[in-house]
Amino acid sequence: MPKRLLAQIKAHEKRASAGLFTDMELKALLEPRISELEARIEQAVAADGTLVETAGILRSIPGGGPVACVMLIADPSSGPYPQNRPQL
């Protein structure tokens, strides 16, 4: 199971909303879909040299993992990226 999903489940358990994520069928349904989306995002970044360079810089920041990196790249308000970048 992806680390992000596990972290979200643990956070919900602490907030007493664990009932939302106790259904193993729901977890089984979401896990492959999340993995597919993460792979598609990685492919979109890898297809653009500028994004590869930007992602490398962002990932070099301590604590800057792949999710935070892509979120910053995808958010137009986070910086001056090329106008023709792929939509993530």
N, C-alpha and C. Protein backbone atom coordinates (compact mmCIF):
# COMPACT_ATOMS: atom_id res chain seq x y z
N MET A 1 0.85 -1.17 0.00
CA MET A 1 0.00 0.00 0.00
C MET A 1 0.90 1.24 0.00
N PRO A 2 0.60 2.24 -0.82
CA PRO A 2 1.43 3.44 -0.87
C PRO A 2 1.55 4.11 0.50
N LYS A 3 2.72 4.66 0.76
CA LYS A 3 2.98 5.30 2.05
C LYS A 3 1.99 6.42 2.34
N ARG A 4 1.63 7.18 1.31
CA ARG A 4 0.72 8.31 1.50
C ARG A 4 -0.63 7.82 2.00
N LEU A 5 -1.16 6.74 1.41
CA LEU A 5 -2.45 6.20 1.82
C LEU A 5 -2.39 5.71 3.27
N LEU A 6 -1.31 5.03 3.61
CA LEU A 6 -1.15 4.55 4.99
C LEU A 6 -1.11 5.73 5.97
N ALA A 7 -0.41 6.78 5.60
CA ALA A 7 -0.34 7.96 6.47
C ALA A 7 -1.71 8.60 6.64
N GLN A 8 -2.49 8.65 5.56
CA GLN A 8 -3.83 9.23 5.64
C GLN A 8 -4.74 8.37 6.52
N ILE A 9 -4.62 7.07 6.41
CA ILE A 9 -5.43 6.16 7.23
C ILE A 9 -5.10 6.37 8.71
N LYS A 10 -3.80 6.44 9.02
CA LYS A 10 -3.39 6.64 10.41
C LYS A 10 -3.88 7.98 10.95
N ALA A 11 -3.82 9.02 10.12
CA ALA A 11 -4.30 10.33 10.53
C ALA A 11 -5.80 10.31 10.81
N HIS A 12 -6.55 9.63 9.96
CA HIS A 12 -7.99 9.52 10.18
C HIS A 12 -8.31 8.72 11.44
N GLU A 13 -7.52 7.69 11.71
CA GLU A 13 -7.73 6.90 12.93
C GLU A 13 -7.54 7.78 14.17
N LYS A 14 -6.55 8.66 14.12
CA LYS A 14 -6.29 9.53 15.26
C LYS A 14 -7.41 10.54 15.45
N ARG A 15 -8.06 10.94 14.35
CA ARG A 15 -9.15 11.92 14.42
C ARG A 15 -10.51 11.27 14.62
N ALA A 16 -10.53 10.02 14.96
CA ALA A 16 -11.77 9.28 15.23
C ALA A 16 -12.66 9.15 14.00
N SER A 17 -12.09 9.22 12.83
CA SER A 17 -12.87 8.99 11.62
C SER A 17 -12.39 7.71 10.94
N ALA A 18 -11.92 6.77 11.74
CA ALA A 18 -11.36 5.54 11.21
C ALA A 18 -12.39 4.73 10.44
N GLY A 19 -13.65 4.88 10.77
CA GLY A 19 -14.68 4.12 10.07
C GLY A 19 -14.69 4.36 8.57
N LEU A 20 -14.16 5.48 8.15
CA LEU A 20 -14.11 5.78 6.72
C LEU A 20 -13.15 4.86 5.98
N PHE A 21 -12.13 4.38 6.66
CA PHE A 21 -11.10 3.62 5.99
C PHE A 21 -10.92 2.20 6.55
N THR A 22 -11.91 1.67 7.18
CA THR A 22 -11.77 0.31 7.69
C THR A 22 -12.24 -0.73 6.68
N ASP A 23 -12.87 -0.33 5.64
CA ASP A 23 -13.38 -1.26 4.64
C ASP A 23 -12.24 -1.72 3.73
N MET A 24 -11.86 -2.96 3.87
CA MET A 24 -10.75 -3.51 3.08
C MET A 24 -11.06 -3.51 1.58
N GLU A 25 -12.33 -3.64 1.23
CA GLU A 25 -12.70 -3.60 -0.19
C GLU A 25 -12.42 -2.22 -0.77
N LEU A 26 -12.70 -1.19 0.00
CA LEU A 26 -12.43 0.17 -0.46
C LEU A 26 -10.92 0.37 -0.65
N LYS A 27 -10.14 -0.10 0.31
CA LYS A 27 -8.69 -0.01 0.19
C LYS A 27 -8.20 -0.75 -1.05
N ALA A 28 -8.75 -1.94 -1.27
CA ALA A 28 -8.34 -2.74 -2.43
C ALA A 28 -8.72 -2.06 -3.73
N LEU A 29 -9.81 -1.33 -3.74
CA LEU A 29 -10.24 -0.60 -4.93
C LEU A 29 -9.36 0.63 -5.18
N LEU A 30 -9.05 1.34 -4.12
CA LEU A 30 -8.30 2.60 -4.26
C LEU A 30 -6.82 2.39 -4.55
N GLU A 31 -6.23 1.38 -3.94
CA GLU A 31 -4.78 1.19 -4.07
C GLU A 31 -4.31 1.11 -5.53
N PRO A 32 -4.91 0.27 -6.39
CA PRO A 32 -4.43 0.23 -7.78
C PRO A 32 -4.71 1.52 -8.54
N ARG A 33 -5.80 2.19 -8.22
CA ARG A 33 -6.11 3.44 -8.91
C ARG A 33 -5.11 4.53 -8.54
N ILE A 34 -4.74 4.57 -7.27
CA ILE A 34 -3.73 5.55 -6.83
C ILE A 34 -2.39 5.25 -7.50
N SER A 35 -2.01 3.99 -7.54
CA SER A 35 -0.75 3.61 -8.19
C SER A 35 -0.74 3.98 -9.66
N GLU A 36 -1.87 3.77 -10.33
CA GLU A 36 -1.97 4.12 -11.76
C GLU A 36 -1.82 5.62 -11.97
N LEU A 37 -2.48 6.40 -11.13
CA LEU A 37 -2.38 7.86 -11.25
C LEU A 37 -0.96 8.34 -10.96
N GLU A 38 -0.32 7.77 -9.95
CA GLU A 38 1.05 8.16 -9.64
C GLU A 38 1.98 7.84 -10.81
N ALA A 39 1.77 6.70 -11.46
CA ALA A 39 2.60 6.32 -12.61
C ALA A 39 2.37 7.28 -13.77
N ARG A 40 1.12 7.66 -14.01
CA ARG A 40 0.82 8.59 -15.10
C ARG A 40 1.45 9.96 -14.85
N ILE A 41 1.44 10.39 -13.59
CA ILE A 41 2.06 11.67 -13.25
C ILE A 41 3.56 11.60 -13.47
N GLU A 42 4.19 10.52 -13.04
CA GLU A 42 5.63 10.34 -13.25
C GLU A 42 5.97 10.34 -14.74
N GLN A 43 5.15 9.71 -15.56
CA GLN A 43 5.39 9.68 -17.00
C GLN A 43 5.27 11.07 -17.60
N ALA A 44 4.28 11.85 -17.15
CA ALA A 44 4.10 13.21 -17.67
C ALA A 44 5.30 14.08 -17.33
N VAL A 45 5.82 13.95 -16.12
CA VAL A 45 7.00 14.73 -15.72
C VAL A 45 8.21 14.26 -16.53
N ALA A 46 8.38 12.95 -16.66
CA ALA A 46 9.55 12.40 -17.37
C ALA A 46 9.56 12.77 -18.85
N ALA A 47 8.42 13.09 -19.42
CA ALA A 47 8.33 13.41 -20.84
C ALA A 47 8.77 14.84 -21.15
N ASP A 48 9.01 15.65 -20.16
CA ASP A 48 9.36 17.05 -20.37
C ASP A 48 10.67 17.35 -19.66
N GLY A 49 11.69 17.71 -20.42
CA GLY A 49 13.01 17.98 -19.86
C GLY A 49 13.03 19.06 -18.80
N THR A 50 12.25 20.12 -19.01
CA THR A 50 12.20 21.21 -18.03
C THR A 50 11.60 20.71 -16.73
N LEU A 51 10.55 19.90 -16.84
CA LEU A 51 9.92 19.37 -15.63
C LEU A 51 10.84 18.39 -14.92
N VAL A 52 11.60 17.62 -15.67
CA VAL A 52 12.56 16.69 -15.06
C VAL A 52 13.58 17.48 -14.25
N GLU A 53 14.09 18.55 -14.84
CA GLU A 53 15.07 19.39 -14.14
C GLU A 53 14.47 20.03 -12.89
N THR A 54 13.27 20.59 -13.05
CA THR A 54 12.60 21.22 -11.92
C THR A 54 12.31 20.21 -10.82
N ALA A 55 11.84 19.03 -11.20
CA ALA A 55 11.54 17.97 -10.23
C ALA A 55 12.81 17.56 -9.49
N GLY A 56 13.92 17.49 -10.20
CA GLY A 56 15.19 17.13 -9.56
C GLY A 56 15.60 18.15 -8.51
N ILE A 57 15.41 19.41 -8.84
CA ILE A 57 15.75 20.48 -7.88
C ILE A 57 14.84 20.40 -6.66
N LEU A 58 13.54 20.25 -6.90
CA LEU A 58 12.59 20.20 -5.79
C LEU A 58 12.81 18.97 -4.91
N ARG A 59 13.15 17.85 -5.53
CA ARG A 59 13.37 16.63 -4.74
C ARG A 59 14.67 16.67 -3.95
N SER A 60 15.58 17.59 -4.32
CA SER A 60 16.83 17.70 -3.57
C SER A 60 16.64 18.44 -2.25
N ILE A 61 15.50 19.09 -2.08
CA ILE A 61 15.21 19.81 -0.84
C ILE A 61 14.84 18.78 0.23
N PRO A 62 15.46 18.83 1.40
CA PRO A 62 15.11 17.87 2.45
C PRO A 62 13.60 17.91 2.75
N GLY A 63 13.00 16.74 2.73
CA GLY A 63 11.56 16.63 2.98
C GLY A 63 10.72 16.80 1.74
N GLY A 64 11.34 17.13 0.62
CA GLY A 64 10.62 17.33 -0.63
C GLY A 64 10.49 16.03 -1.40
N GLY A 65 9.46 15.28 -1.09
CA GLY A 65 9.26 14.01 -1.77
C GLY A 65 8.55 14.17 -3.10
N PRO A 66 8.27 13.07 -3.77
CA PRO A 66 7.66 13.12 -5.09
C PRO A 66 6.27 13.75 -5.10
N VAL A 67 5.48 13.56 -4.06
CA VAL A 67 4.13 14.13 -4.03
C VAL A 67 4.20 15.65 -3.92
N ALA A 68 4.99 16.14 -2.99
CA ALA A 68 5.14 17.59 -2.82
C ALA A 68 5.73 18.21 -4.08
N CYS A 69 6.68 17.53 -4.69
CA CYS A 69 7.32 18.02 -5.90
C CYS A 69 6.29 18.22 -7.02
N VAL A 70 5.48 17.22 -7.27
CA VAL A 70 4.49 17.30 -8.35
C VAL A 70 3.41 18.32 -8.02
N MET A 71 3.06 18.44 -6.76
CA MET A 71 2.05 19.43 -6.38
C MET A 71 2.56 20.84 -6.68
N LEU A 72 3.83 21.10 -6.38
CA LEU A 72 4.39 22.42 -6.67
C LEU A 72 4.49 22.67 -8.17
N ILE A 73 4.85 21.66 -8.94
CA ILE A 73 4.94 21.81 -10.38
C ILE A 73 3.56 22.04 -10.99
N ALA A 74 2.57 21.31 -10.51
CA ALA A 74 1.23 21.39 -11.08
C ALA A 74 0.49 22.67 -10.72
N ASP A 75 0.87 23.33 -9.64
CA ASP A 75 0.19 24.54 -9.18
C ASP A 75 0.75 25.76 -9.91
N PRO A 76 -0.05 26.37 -10.78
CA PRO A 76 0.46 27.52 -11.54
C PRO A 76 0.86 28.70 -10.67
N SER A 77 0.33 28.80 -9.47
CA SER A 77 0.67 29.93 -8.60
C SER A 77 2.00 29.73 -7.89
N SER A 78 2.63 28.55 -8.06
CA SER A 78 3.86 28.27 -7.32
C SER A 78 5.13 28.74 -8.04
N GLY A 79 5.01 29.21 -9.25
CA GLY A 79 6.22 29.70 -9.91
C GLY A 79 6.07 29.83 -11.40
N PRO A 80 7.07 30.45 -12.03
CA PRO A 80 7.01 30.71 -13.47
C PRO A 80 7.48 29.52 -14.30
N TYR A 81 6.59 28.60 -14.59
CA TYR A 81 6.92 27.46 -15.42
C TYR A 81 6.43 27.73 -16.83
N PRO A 82 6.92 27.00 -17.82
CA PRO A 82 6.50 27.22 -19.19
C PRO A 82 4.99 27.09 -19.35
N GLN A 83 4.42 27.93 -20.19
CA GLN A 83 2.97 27.93 -20.41
C GLN A 83 2.49 26.65 -21.08
N ASN A 84 3.35 25.99 -21.85
CA ASN A 84 2.93 24.80 -22.59
C ASN A 84 3.28 23.50 -21.87
N ARG A 85 3.46 23.56 -20.56
CA ARG A 85 3.79 22.36 -19.80
C ARG A 85 2.60 21.40 -19.82
N PRO A 86 2.85 20.10 -19.69
CA PRO A 86 1.73 19.15 -19.69
C PRO A 86 0.85 19.34 -18.47
N GLN A 87 -0.43 19.12 -18.65
CA GLN A 87 -1.36 19.21 -17.54
C GLN A 87 -1.26 17.95 -16.71
N LEU A 88 -0.95 18.07 -15.43
CA LEU A 88 -0.82 16.91 -14.55
C LEU A 88 -2.11 16.63 -13.86
